Amino acid sequence: MKFSRLLISMSVISCALAIGSCSKNTNEIYIIPDKDNSSNNGGSNGNNGNDGSGSNQNQSLIHFTANMESVPTKALAAFPKGLYANIMAFPGTTNNLNSIAPTTSNTYQSQTTGTLSPVSGSQMYLPNGSWSFVSVATNQTSNKNPTFSSGVSSALVNGIDYMYWRVNNTTVDNSQLNVPITYTHSCAQVIVKLQAGNGITINSFNTATITPSEPTGKMDISTGVISPSTALSTTPANMAVNELVAQYTMLPLTFTGSMTTTFSLTINNESTARNYQVAVPVPNGSLTPGNSYVFSAVVNANEITFTQVSVTDWVTVDETGKPLYPTQI
């Protein structure tokens, strides 16, 4: 899928790059005791019904495995090792989760690729019946999952790959049950891929910044949708750079203006880096959740021209946002 051609030139500027940073959210989880029998439905001691003796009568042990989905091709990738996730269980007949708290909840981490293990060491046990599950995860090895109140998260931050999954009416009727999770990305990626113009040698792509969406978005626990911002932040944010590719994970945006990007490049073996700045239009006025927008740009001596923007599958990055496979973009 490609958008219309963008022809954007920018002049070399001598000012230093403005460097921004993002704040991080801390995490809380729900532990909701059953009103009638806390040892059989979630527990009041945070152990999800396990009394420590290994006995969980009339309850099933729930295991979770996880993948991540990309659009537009729906390609699947295994959930990487070391990442955190919150998993919540709700009564299976409940469609709108905003007005109720989960029956039980736990924090998990992928101790091995694609397999989630409870951080506390206590497994999730549920009585037989129909259940709905919700999970929120991030591409982080420290727990930065959002908190929820009345089904709406606290304000989220840019630079974090928030992921969501939900399944309804799962039947629990065995002593053990494996529930497969397929996360979808709730934010958007902005990727800039540089190439050298005629007579230009790019020696190094030093730094990059972008003006991200204003961090006002919140996630709905029933849908995983993050409300889009309608404005840009006044503070530039660092993009992660690998070879000639820069990446930034951004909260959804609906905005008809332009994002300001700055680049520091060393070209033609010069001893001093050149700083470029340009206003890049938001494609079709929005950055849509799950989309990875790849901007192709040609570097010339005194300007950079953005030739096109396309939507690709989610680009794999490390925890800092650096693309792991820049040659494949």
C-alpha atoms as a PDB file:
ATOM      1  CA  MET A   1       0.000   0.000   0.000  1.00  0.00           C
ATOM      2  CA  LYS A   2       1.530   3.326  -1.000  1.00  0.00           C
ATOM      3  CA  PHE A   3       0.493   6.920  -0.525  1.00  0.00           C
ATOM      4  CA  SER A   4       0.922   9.695  -3.089  1.00  0.00           C
ATOM      5  CA  ARG A   5       4.452  10.889  -3.807  1.00  0.00           C
ATOM      6  CA  LEU A   6       5.863  13.457  -1.393  1.00  0.00           C
ATOM      7  CA  LEU A   7       8.404  16.004  -2.720  1.00  0.00           C
ATOM      8  CA  ILE A   8       9.843  17.746   0.293  1.00  0.00           C
ATOM      9  CA  SER A   9      13.126  19.639   0.257  1.00  0.00           C
ATOM     10  CA  MET A  10      14.953  20.996   3.238  1.00  0.00           C
ATOM     11  CA  SER A  11      17.888  23.313   3.753  1.00  0.00           C
ATOM     12  CA  VAL A  12      20.973  22.552   5.765  1.00  0.00           C
ATOM     13  CA  ILE A  13      20.890  24.305   9.102  1.00  0.00           C
ATOM     14  CA  SER A  14      23.675  24.850  11.570  1.00  0.00           C
ATOM     15  CA  CYS A  15      21.692  24.735  14.786  1.00  0.00           C
ATOM     16  CA  ALA A  16      22.220  21.840  17.169  1.00  0.00           C
ATOM     17  CA  LEU A  17      19.586  19.105  17.370  1.00  0.00           C
ATOM     18  CA  ALA A  18      16.970  19.354  20.075  1.00  0.00           C
ATOM     19  CA  ILE A  19      16.864  16.177  22.072  1.00  0.00           C
ATOM     20  CA  GLY A  20      13.656  15.020  23.770  1.00  0.00           C
ATOM     21  CA  SER A  21      12.780  12.254  26.142  1.00  0.00           C
ATOM     22  CA  CYS A  22       9.731  10.312  27.146  1.00  0.00           C
ATOM     23  CA  SER A  23       8.393   9.647  30.640  1.00  0.00           C
ATOM     24  CA  LYS A  24       7.534   6.094  31.674  1.00  0.00           C
ATOM     25  CA  ASN A  25       4.479   4.679  33.428  1.00  0.00           C
ATOM     26  CA  THR A  26       4.653   2.322  36.373  1.00  0.00           C
ATOM     27  CA  ASN A  27       2.436  -0.746  36.606  1.00  0.00           C
ATOM     28  CA  GLU A  28      -0.308  -1.997  38.880  1.00  0.00           C
ATOM     29  CA  ILE A  29      -2.426  -5.128  38.584  1.00  0.00           C
ATOM     30  CA  TYR A  30      -5.850  -6.063  39.876  1.00  0.00           C
ATOM     31  CA  ILE A  31      -6.203  -8.742  42.540  1.00  0.00           C
ATOM     32  CA  ILE A  32      -9.938  -9.117  43.127  1.00  0.00           C
ATOM     33  CA  PRO A  33     -11.124 -11.549  45.833  1.00  0.00           C
ATOM     34  CA  ASP A  34     -14.270 -13.596  45.346  1.00  0.00           C
ATOM     35  CA  LYS A  35     -17.002 -12.410  47.680  1.00  0.00           C
ATOM     36  CA  ASP A  36     -18.057 -15.890  48.706  1.00  0.00           C
ATOM     37  CA  ASN A  37     -14.948 -18.033  48.589  1.00  0.00           C
ATOM     38  CA  SER A  38     -11.643 -16.257  47.981  1.00  0.00           C
ATOM     39  CA  SER A  39      -9.682 -19.505  47.851  1.00  0.00           C
ATOM     40  CA  ASN A  40     -11.626 -20.746  44.824  1.00  0.00           C
ATOM     41  CA  ASN A  41     -11.868 -17.750  42.509  1.00  0.00           C
ATOM     42  CA  GLY A  42      -8.859 -15.486  42.292  1.00  0.00           C
ATOM     43  CA  GLY A  43      -7.886 -15.498  45.944  1.00  0.00           C
ATOM     44  CA  SER A  44      -7.457 -12.578  48.317  1.00  0.00           C
ATOM     45  CA  ASN A  45      -3.763 -13.285  48.890  1.00  0.00           C
ATOM     46  CA  GLY A  46      -2.642 -12.564  45.318  1.00  0.00           C
ATOM     47  CA  ASN A  47      -1.961 -16.194  44.417  1.00  0.00           C
ATOM     48  CA  ASN A  48      -4.925 -16.678  42.052  1.00  0.00           C
ATOM     49  CA  GLY A  49      -6.522 -19.424  44.130  1.00  0.00           C
ATOM     50  CA  ASN A  50      -3.405 -21.443  44.958  1.00  0.00           C
ATOM     51  CA  ASP A  51      -3.260 -21.914  48.718  1.00  0.00           C
ATOM     52  CA  GLY A  52       0.356 -23.075  48.618  1.00  0.00           C
ATOM     53  CA  SER A  53      -0.504 -26.717  49.204  1.00  0.00           C
ATOM     54  CA  GLY A  54      -0.793 -27.507  45.482  1.00  0.00           C
ATOM     55  CA  SER A  55      -4.533 -28.198  45.850  1.00  0.00           C
ATOM     56  CA  ASN A  56      -6.954 -26.248  43.619  1.00  0.00           C
ATOM     57  CA  GLN A  57     -10.148 -28.278  43.711  1.00  0.00           C
ATOM     58  CA  ASN A  58     -12.723 -27.573  40.978  1.00  0.00           C
ATOM     59  CA  GLN A  59     -10.303 -25.209  39.245  1.00  0.00           C
ATOM     60  CA  SER A  60      -8.242 -25.363  36.074  1.00  0.00           C
ATOM     61  CA  LEU A  61      -4.646 -24.264  35.643  1.00  0.00           C
ATOM     62  CA  ILE A  62      -4.312 -21.742  32.803  1.00  0.00           C
ATOM     63  CA  HIS A  63      -1.150 -21.507  30.678  1.00  0.00           C
ATOM     64  CA  PHE A  64      -0.437 -18.846  28.040  1.00  0.00           C
ATOM     65  CA  THR A  65       1.681 -18.772  24.878  1.00  0.00           C
ATOM     66  CA  ALA A  66       2.106 -15.639  22.765  1.00  0.00           C
ATOM     67  CA  ASN A  67       2.777 -14.333  19.254  1.00  0.00           C
ATOM     68  CA  MET A  68       2.671 -10.849  17.706  1.00  0.00           C
ATOM     69  CA  GLU A  69       0.774  -9.931  14.537  1.00  0.00           C
ATOM     70  CA  SER A  70       1.767  -7.416  11.866  1.00  0.00           C
ATOM     71  CA  VAL A  71      -0.398  -5.638   9.309  1.00  0.00           C
ATOM     72  CA  PRO A  72      -1.167  -5.533   6.421  1.00  0.00           C
ATOM     73  CA  THR A  73      -0.021  -9.127   5.737  1.00  0.00           C
ATOM     74  CA  LYS A  74      -1.039 -10.515   9.174  1.00  0.00           C
ATOM     75  CA  ALA A  75       2.411 -12.060   9.544  1.00  0.00           C
ATOM     76  CA  LEU A  76       3.107 -13.631  12.937  1.00  0.00           C
ATOM     77  CA  ALA A  77       6.272 -13.390  15.009  1.00  0.00           C
ATOM     78  CA  ALA A  78       7.019 -15.127  18.295  1.00  0.00           C
ATOM     79  CA  PHE A  79       6.753 -12.999  21.434  1.00  0.00           C
ATOM     80  CA  PRO A  80      10.427 -12.293  22.332  1.00  0.00           C
ATOM     81  CA  LYS A  81      12.091 -13.549  25.476  1.00  0.00           C
ATOM     82  CA  GLY A  82      12.156 -11.296  28.539  1.00  0.00           C
ATOM     83  CA  LEU A  83       9.098  -9.095  27.866  1.00  0.00           C
ATOM     84  CA  TYR A  84       6.301  -8.341  30.342  1.00  0.00           C
ATOM     85  CA  ALA A  85       2.538  -8.748  29.979  1.00  0.00           C
ATOM     86  CA  ASN A  86      -0.528  -8.348  32.172  1.00  0.00           C
ATOM     87  CA  ILE A  87      -3.268 -10.960  31.729  1.00  0.00           C
ATOM     88  CA  MET A  88      -6.775 -10.493  33.097  1.00  0.00           C
ATOM     89  CA  ALA A  89      -9.734 -12.892  33.252  1.00  0.00           C
ATOM     90  CA  PHE A  90     -13.378 -11.726  33.091  1.00  0.00           C
ATOM     91  CA  PRO A  91     -16.677 -13.655  33.193  1.00  0.00           C
ATOM     92  CA  GLY A  92     -17.160 -15.024  29.667  1.00  0.00           C
ATOM     93  CA  THR A  93     -20.575 -13.509  28.979  1.00  0.00           C
ATOM     94  CA  THR A  94     -19.346  -9.960  29.590  1.00  0.00           C
ATOM     95  CA  ASN A  95     -18.877  -7.904  26.403  1.00  0.00           C
ATOM     96  CA  ASN A  96     -18.296  -4.432  27.842  1.00  0.00           C
ATOM     97  CA  LEU A  97     -15.422  -4.656  30.297  1.00  0.00           C
ATOM     98  CA  ASN A  98     -15.304  -0.960  31.186  1.00  0.00           C
ATOM     99  CA  SER A  99     -17.779  -1.199  34.042  1.00  0.00           C
ATOM    100  CA  ILE A 100     -16.283  -4.212  35.860  1.00  0.00           C
ATOM    101  CA  ALA A 101     -12.960  -5.261  37.307  1.00  0.00           C
ATOM    102  CA  PRO A 102     -11.319  -8.526  36.262  1.00  0.00           C
ATOM    103  CA  THR A 103     -12.035 -11.554  38.389  1.00  0.00           C
ATOM    104  CA  THR A 104      -8.319 -12.206  38.570  1.00  0.00           C
ATOM    105  CA  SER A 105      -5.149 -10.796  37.062  1.00  0.00           C
ATOM    106  CA  ASN A 106      -1.474 -11.594  36.983  1.00  0.00           C
ATOM    107  CA  THR A 107       1.793 -10.206  35.638  1.00  0.00           C
ATOM    108  CA  TYR A 108       3.713 -12.492  33.277  1.00  0.00           C
ATOM    109  CA  GLN A 109       7.094 -12.491  31.592  1.00  0.00           C
ATOM    110  CA  SER A 110       8.332 -14.504  28.627  1.00  0.00           C
ATOM    111  CA  GLN A 111      11.023 -16.602  30.270  1.00  0.00           C
ATOM    112  CA  THR A 112      11.489 -18.283  26.896  1.00  0.00           C
ATOM    113  CA  THR A 113      10.423 -17.059  23.462  1.00  0.00           C
ATOM    114  CA  GLY A 114       6.655 -17.342  23.026  1.00  0.00           C
ATOM    115  CA  THR A 115       5.908 -18.778  26.497  1.00  0.00           C
ATOM    116  CA  LEU A 116       4.581 -16.630  29.345  1.00  0.00           C
ATOM    117  CA  SER A 117       5.329 -17.422  32.992  1.00  0.00           C
ATOM    118  CA  PRO A 118       3.884 -15.623  36.034  1.00  0.00           C
ATOM    119  CA  VAL A 119       6.353 -13.196  37.565  1.00  0.00           C
ATOM    120  CA  SER A 120       5.215 -13.908  41.117  1.00  0.00           C
ATOM    121  CA  GLY A 121       5.573 -17.653  40.621  1.00  0.00           C
ATOM    122  CA  SER A 122       1.853 -18.203  41.240  1.00  0.00           C
ATOM    123  CA  GLN A 123      -0.138 -19.625  38.347  1.00  0.00           C
ATOM    124  CA  MET A 124      -3.642 -18.547  37.270  1.00  0.00           C
ATOM    125  CA  TYR A 125      -6.421 -20.936  38.335  1.00  0.00           C
ATOM    126  CA  LEU A 126     -10.062 -20.534  37.275  1.00  0.00           C
ATOM    127  CA  PRO A 127     -13.215 -22.511  38.044  1.00  0.00           C
ATOM    128  CA  ASN A 128     -14.834 -24.332  35.125  1.00  0.00           C
ATOM    129  CA  GLY A 129     -17.045 -22.173  32.963  1.00  0.00           C
ATOM    130  CA  SER A 130     -16.855 -19.551  30.237  1.00  0.00           C
ATOM    131  CA  TRP A 131     -14.169 -16.872  30.523  1.00  0.00           C
ATOM    132  CA  SER A 132     -12.880 -13.918  28.532  1.00  0.00           C
ATOM    133  CA  PHE A 133      -9.205 -12.987  28.652  1.00  0.00           C
ATOM    134  CA  VAL A 134      -7.491  -9.648  28.037  1.00  0.00           C
ATOM    135  CA  SER A 135      -3.767  -8.988  27.897  1.00  0.00           C
ATOM    136  CA  VAL A 136      -1.701  -5.828  27.515  1.00  0.00           C
ATOM    137  CA  ALA A 137       2.034  -6.055  26.843  1.00  0.00           C
ATOM    138  CA  THR A 138       4.960  -3.882  25.827  1.00  0.00           C
ATOM    139  CA  ASN A 139       8.214  -4.508  23.999  1.00  0.00           C
ATOM    140  CA  GLN A 140      10.124  -3.908  27.223  1.00  0.00           C
ATOM    141  CA  THR A 141      12.157  -6.018  29.649  1.00  0.00           C
ATOM    142  CA  SER A 142      10.926  -3.877  32.550  1.00  0.00           C
ATOM    143  CA  ASN A 143       7.247  -3.715  33.403  1.00  0.00           C
ATOM    144  CA  LYS A 144       5.811  -0.583  31.765  1.00  0.00           C
ATOM    145  CA  ASN A 145       2.248  -1.820  31.262  1.00  0.00           C
ATOM    146  CA  PRO A 146      -0.427   0.825  31.953  1.00  0.00           C
ATOM    147  CA  THR A 147      -2.824   0.947  34.866  1.00  0.00           C
ATOM    148  CA  PHE A 148      -6.602   0.921  34.268  1.00  0.00           C
ATOM    149  CA  SER A 149      -9.483   2.656  36.017  1.00  0.00           C
ATOM    150  CA  SER A 150     -13.069   1.928  34.935  1.00  0.00           C
ATOM    151  CA  GLY A 151     -11.645   0.202  31.874  1.00  0.00           C
ATOM    152  CA  VAL A 152      -9.585   3.177  30.679  1.00  0.00           C
ATOM    153  CA  SER A 153      -5.813   3.371  31.011  1.00  0.00           C
ATOM    154  CA  SER A 154      -3.805   6.196  32.429  1.00  0.00           C
ATOM    155  CA  ALA A 155      -2.256   8.539  29.846  1.00  0.00           C
ATOM    156  CA  LEU A 156       0.244   6.594  27.760  1.00  0.00           C
ATOM    157  CA  VAL A 157       3.660   7.689  26.557  1.00  0.00           C
ATOM    158  CA  ASN A 158       5.402   7.733  23.195  1.00  0.00           C
ATOM    159  CA  GLY A 159       8.296   5.447  22.416  1.00  0.00           C
ATOM    160  CA  ILE A 160       6.599   2.325  23.867  1.00  0.00           C
ATOM    161  CA  ASP A 161       5.212  -0.488  21.714  1.00  0.00           C
ATOM    162  CA  TYR A 162       1.867  -1.113  23.463  1.00  0.00           C
ATOM    163  CA  MET A 163       0.259  -4.405  22.412  1.00  0.00           C
ATOM    164  CA  TYR A 164      -3.234  -5.774  23.061  1.00  0.00           C
ATOM    165  CA  TRP A 165      -5.151  -9.052  22.832  1.00  0.00           C
ATOM    166  CA  ARG A 166      -8.636 -10.234  23.802  1.00  0.00           C
ATOM    167  CA  VAL A 167     -10.564 -13.488  23.422  1.00  0.00           C
ATOM    168  CA  ASN A 168     -14.192 -14.026  24.450  1.00  0.00           C
ATOM    169  CA  ASN A 169     -16.068 -17.011  25.863  1.00  0.00           C
ATOM    170  CA  THR A 170     -13.217 -19.466  26.295  1.00  0.00           C
ATOM    171  CA  THR A 171     -14.468 -22.694  27.872  1.00  0.00           C
ATOM    172  CA  VAL A 172     -12.537 -23.828  30.934  1.00  0.00           C
ATOM    173  CA  ASP A 173     -13.416 -27.450  31.732  1.00  0.00           C
ATOM    174  CA  ASN A 174     -10.119 -29.289  32.146  1.00  0.00           C
ATOM    175  CA  SER A 175      -7.515 -29.459  34.857  1.00  0.00           C
ATOM    176  CA  GLN A 176      -5.123 -27.546  32.559  1.00  0.00           C
ATOM    177  CA  LEU A 177      -5.715 -25.284  29.574  1.00  0.00           C
ATOM    178  CA  ASN A 178      -3.298 -23.539  27.211  1.00  0.00           C
ATOM    179  CA  VAL A 179      -4.597 -20.235  25.842  1.00  0.00           C
ATOM    180  CA  PRO A 180      -2.739 -18.890  22.756  1.00  0.00           C
ATOM    181  CA  ILE A 181      -2.309 -15.115  22.617  1.00  0.00           C
ATOM    182  CA  THR A 182      -1.863 -13.088  19.418  1.00  0.00           C
ATOM    183  CA  TYR A 183      -0.963  -9.497  20.225  1.00  0.00           C
ATOM    184  CA  THR A 184      -1.705  -6.611  17.877  1.00  0.00           C
ATOM    185  CA  HIS A 185       0.207  -3.326  17.965  1.00  0.00           C
ATOM    186  CA  SER A 186      -1.802  -0.403  19.346  1.00  0.00           C
ATOM    187  CA  CYS A 187       0.653   2.313  18.248  1.00  0.00           C
ATOM    188  CA  ALA A 188       2.196   3.297  14.901  1.00  0.00           C
ATOM    189  CA  GLN A 189       5.785   3.213  13.663  1.00  0.00           C
ATOM    190  CA  VAL A 190       7.524   6.029  11.783  1.00  0.00           C
ATOM    191  CA  ILE A 191      10.540   4.777   9.810  1.00  0.00           C
ATOM    192  CA  VAL A 192      12.914   6.982   7.796  1.00  0.00           C
ATOM    193  CA  LYS A 193      15.186   5.203   5.305  1.00  0.00           C
ATOM    194  CA  LEU A 194      17.945   7.316   3.768  1.00  0.00           C
ATOM    195  CA  GLN A 195      19.860   6.790   0.553  1.00  0.00           C
ATOM    196  CA  ALA A 196      22.631   8.844  -1.023  1.00  0.00           C
ATOM    197  CA  GLY A 197      21.913  11.132  -3.969  1.00  0.00           C
ATOM    198  CA  ASN A 198      24.173  11.764  -6.959  1.00  0.00           C
ATOM    199  CA  GLY A 199      27.717  12.611  -5.921  1.00  0.00           C
ATOM    200  CA  ILE A 200      26.990  11.958  -2.239  1.00  0.00           C
ATOM    201  CA  THR A 201      28.581   9.449   0.116  1.00  0.00           C
ATOM    202  CA  ILE A 202      26.884   9.053   3.482  1.00  0.00           C
ATOM    203  CA  ASN A 203      29.629   8.278   5.979  1.00  0.00           C
ATOM    204  CA  SER A 204      27.360   8.085   9.029  1.00  0.00           C
ATOM    205  CA  PHE A 205      23.787   8.708  10.125  1.00  0.00           C
ATOM    206  CA  ASN A 206      24.503  10.212  13.534  1.00  0.00           C
ATOM    207  CA  THR A 207      21.228  11.223  15.178  1.00  0.00           C
ATOM    208  CA  ALA A 208      17.571  11.897  14.369  1.00  0.00           C
ATOM    209  CA  THR A 209      14.649  13.517  16.167  1.00  0.00           C
ATOM    210  CA  ILE A 210      10.925  13.858  15.455  1.00  0.00           C
ATOM    211  CA  THR A 211       8.037  15.816  16.937  1.00  0.00           C
ATOM    212  CA  PRO A 212       5.720  13.014  18.138  1.00  0.00           C
ATOM    213  CA  SER A 213       2.006  13.018  18.858  1.00  0.00           C
ATOM    214  CA  GLU A 214       0.999  14.773  22.051  1.00  0.00           C
ATOM    215  CA  PRO A 215       0.883  12.020  24.725  1.00  0.00           C
ATOM    216  CA  THR A 216      -2.805  12.295  25.617  1.00  0.00           C
ATOM    217  CA  GLY A 217      -3.959   8.923  24.308  1.00  0.00           C
ATOM    218  CA  LYS A 218      -5.553   6.329  26.591  1.00  0.00           C
ATOM    219  CA  MET A 219      -6.343   2.675  25.920  1.00  0.00           C
ATOM    220  CA  ASP A 220      -9.829   1.178  26.173  1.00  0.00           C
ATOM    221  CA  ILE A 221      -9.585  -2.183  27.927  1.00  0.00           C
ATOM    222  CA  SER A 222     -12.527  -3.598  25.941  1.00  0.00           C
ATOM    223  CA  THR A 223     -10.990  -2.935  22.524  1.00  0.00           C
ATOM    224  CA  GLY A 224      -7.307  -2.090  22.956  1.00  0.00           C
ATOM    225  CA  VAL A 225      -7.888   1.100  20.972  1.00  0.00           C
ATOM    226  CA  ILE A 226      -5.792   4.096  22.012  1.00  0.00           C
ATOM    227  CA  SER A 227      -7.603   7.377  21.488  1.00  0.00           C
ATOM    228  CA  PRO A 228      -5.638   9.349  18.858  1.00  0.00           C
ATOM    229  CA  SER A 229      -4.031  12.640  19.700  1.00  0.00           C
ATOM    230  CA  THR A 230      -5.018  15.645  17.594  1.00  0.00           C
ATOM    231  CA  ALA A 231      -1.845  17.653  18.156  1.00  0.00           C
ATOM    232  CA  LEU A 232       1.924  17.274  18.176  1.00  0.00           C
ATOM    233  CA  SER A 233       4.140  17.508  21.220  1.00  0.00           C
ATOM    234  CA  THR A 234       6.276  20.626  21.578  1.00  0.00           C
ATOM    235  CA  THR A 235       9.247  18.490  22.659  1.00  0.00           C
ATOM    236  CA  PRO A 236      11.191  16.576  19.988  1.00  0.00           C
ATOM    237  CA  ALA A 237      11.959  12.922  20.688  1.00  0.00           C
ATOM    238  CA  ASN A 238      15.007  10.863  19.753  1.00  0.00           C
ATOM    239  CA  MET A 239      14.603   8.352  16.955  1.00  0.00           C
ATOM    240  CA  ALA A 240      16.640   5.143  17.186  1.00  0.00           C
ATOM    241  CA  VAL A 241      19.173   4.806  14.353  1.00  0.00           C
ATOM    242  CA  ASN A 242      20.776   1.737  12.780  1.00  0.00           C
ATOM    243  CA  GLU A 243      22.893   2.222   9.649  1.00  0.00           C
ATOM    244  CA  LEU A 244      20.733   4.423   7.355  1.00  0.00           C
ATOM    245  CA  VAL A 245      17.387   3.702   9.043  1.00  0.00           C
ATOM    246  CA  ALA A 246      15.709   5.633  11.876  1.00  0.00           C
ATOM    247  CA  GLN A 247      12.626   4.441  13.805  1.00  0.00           C
ATOM    248  CA  TYR A 248      10.161   5.843  16.320  1.00  0.00           C
ATOM    249  CA  THR A 249       7.091   4.219  17.909  1.00  0.00           C
ATOM    250  CA  MET A 250       4.330   6.806  18.221  1.00  0.00           C
ATOM    251  CA  LEU A 251       0.915   6.958  19.840  1.00  0.00           C
ATOM    252  CA  PRO A 252      -1.900   7.177  17.239  1.00  0.00           C
ATOM    253  CA  LEU A 253      -2.319  10.601  15.661  1.00  0.00           C
ATOM    254  CA  THR A 254      -5.023  12.416  13.706  1.00  0.00           C
ATOM    255  CA  PHE A 255      -3.422  15.610  12.418  1.00  0.00           C
ATOM    256  CA  THR A 256      -3.421  17.425   9.071  1.00  0.00           C
ATOM    257  CA  GLY A 257      -0.149  19.284   9.662  1.00  0.00           C
ATOM    258  CA  SER A 258       3.449  18.112   9.531  1.00  0.00           C
ATOM    259  CA  MET A 259       5.943  16.428  11.836  1.00  0.00           C
ATOM    260  CA  THR A 260       9.301  18.171  12.193  1.00  0.00           C
ATOM    261  CA  THR A 261      12.272  15.866  11.741  1.00  0.00           C
ATOM    262  CA  THR A 262      15.964  16.678  12.160  1.00  0.00           C
ATOM    263  CA  PHE A 263      18.944  14.623  11.015  1.00  0.00           C
ATOM    264  CA  SER A 264      22.661  14.827  11.704  1.00  0.00           C
ATOM    265  CA  LEU A 265      24.717  13.269   8.898  1.00  0.00           C
ATOM    266  CA  THR A 266      28.371  13.075   7.981  1.00  0.00           C
ATOM    267  CA  ILE A 267      28.763  13.081   4.197  1.00  0.00           C
ATOM    268  CA  ASN A 268      31.598  13.040   1.670  1.00  0.00           C
ATOM    269  CA  ASN A 269      34.232  12.458   4.365  1.00  0.00           C
ATOM    270  CA  GLU A 270      33.697  15.951   5.788  1.00  0.00           C
ATOM    271  CA  SER A 271      35.038  16.610   9.274  1.00  0.00           C
ATOM    272  CA  THR A 272      31.859  18.378  10.445  1.00  0.00           C
ATOM    273  CA  ALA A 273      28.393  16.812  10.473  1.00  0.00           C
ATOM    274  CA  ARG A 274      25.584  18.471   8.558  1.00  0.00           C
ATOM    275  CA  ASN A 275      22.241  19.093  10.273  1.00  0.00           C
ATOM    276  CA  TYR A 276      19.058  18.894   8.206  1.00  0.00           C
ATOM    277  CA  GLN A 277      15.510  19.816   9.206  1.00  0.00           C
ATOM    278  CA  VAL A 278      12.241  19.214   7.391  1.00  0.00           C
ATOM    279  CA  ALA A 279       8.489  19.275   7.979  1.00  0.00           C
ATOM    280  CA  VAL A 280       7.077  15.882   6.973  1.00  0.00           C
ATOM    281  CA  PRO A 281       3.307  15.733   6.310  1.00  0.00           C
ATOM    282  CA  VAL A 282       1.330  13.123   8.230  1.00  0.00           C
ATOM    283  CA  PRO A 283       0.228  10.589   5.561  1.00  0.00           C
ATOM    284  CA  ASN A 284      -3.464  11.051   4.780  1.00  0.00           C
ATOM    285  CA  GLY A 285      -3.782  13.020   8.021  1.00  0.00           C
ATOM    286  CA  SER A 286      -3.326  10.098  10.414  1.00  0.00           C
ATOM    287  CA  LEU A 287      -0.931   7.582  11.922  1.00  0.00           C
ATOM    288  CA  THR A 288      -3.039   4.442  12.312  1.00  0.00           C
ATOM    289  CA  PRO A 289      -2.455   1.783  15.005  1.00  0.00           C
ATOM    290  CA  GLY A 290      -0.526  -1.242  13.771  1.00  0.00           C
ATOM    291  CA  ASN A 291       0.847   0.503  10.667  1.00  0.00           C
ATOM    292  CA  SER A 292       4.554   0.925  10.036  1.00  0.00           C
ATOM    293  CA  TYR A 293       5.074   3.996   7.827  1.00  0.00           C
ATOM    294  CA  VAL A 294       8.351   3.861   5.889  1.00  0.00           C
ATOM    295  CA  PHE A 295       9.490   7.222   4.472  1.00  0.00           C
ATOM    296  CA  SER A 296      12.109   6.923   1.723  1.00  0.00           C
ATOM    297  CA  ALA A 297      14.454   9.920   1.481  1.00  0.00           C
ATOM    298  CA  VAL A 298      17.342  10.933  -0.795  1.00  0.00           C
ATOM    299  CA  VAL A 299      20.242  12.880   0.718  1.00  0.00           C
ATOM    300  CA  ASN A 300      21.801  15.623  -1.393  1.00  0.00           C
ATOM    301  CA  ALA A 301      24.447  18.166  -0.438  1.00  0.00           C
ATOM    302  CA  ASN A 302      22.072  20.880   0.760  1.00  0.00           C
ATOM    303  CA  GLU A 303      18.706  19.177   0.954  1.00  0.00           C
ATOM    304  CA  ILE A 304      16.906  15.906   1.530  1.00  0.00           C
ATOM    305  CA  THR A 305      14.008  14.887  -0.708  1.00  0.00           C
ATOM    306  CA  PHE A 306      11.317  12.523   0.582  1.00  0.00           C
ATOM    307  CA  THR A 307      10.258  10.523  -2.450  1.00  0.00           C
ATOM    308  CA  GLN A 308       7.485   8.294  -1.068  1.00  0.00           C
ATOM    309  CA  VAL A 309       5.892   6.772   2.019  1.00  0.00           C
ATOM    310  CA  SER A 310       4.561   3.228   2.180  1.00  0.00           C
ATOM    311  CA  VAL A 311       2.951   0.988   4.809  1.00  0.00           C
ATOM    312  CA  THR A 312       4.751  -2.244   5.678  1.00  0.00           C
ATOM    313  CA  ASP A 313       4.587  -4.957   8.307  1.00  0.00           C
ATOM    314  CA  TRP A 314       5.844  -3.975  11.743  1.00  0.00           C
ATOM    315  CA  VAL A 315       9.600  -3.436  11.696  1.00  0.00           C
ATOM    316  CA  THR A 316      11.397  -5.499  14.345  1.00  0.00           C
ATOM    317  CA  VAL A 317      13.331  -3.295  16.783  1.00  0.00           C
ATOM    318  CA  ASP A 318      15.211  -3.827  20.018  1.00  0.00           C
ATOM    319  CA  GLU A 319      14.140  -2.374  23.366  1.00  0.00           C
ATOM    320  CA  THR A 320      15.658   1.026  22.541  1.00  0.00           C
ATOM    321  CA  GLY A 321      13.745   1.182  19.237  1.00  0.00           C
ATOM    322  CA  LYS A 322      16.762   0.489  17.013  1.00  0.00           C
ATOM    323  CA  PRO A 323      15.752  -1.494  13.891  1.00  0.00           C
ATOM    324  CA  LEU A 324      17.374  -4.912  14.076  1.00  0.00           C
ATOM    325  CA  TYR A 325      17.392  -5.622  10.335  1.00  0.00           C
ATOM    326  CA  PRO A 326      17.771  -2.264   8.526  1.00  0.00           C
ATOM    327  CA  THR A 327      18.821  -3.899   5.248  1.00  0.00           C
ATOM    328  CA  GLN A 328      15.413  -5.610   5.036  1.00  0.00           C
ATOM    329  CA  ILE A 329      13.439  -2.379   5.189  1.00  0.00           C
END
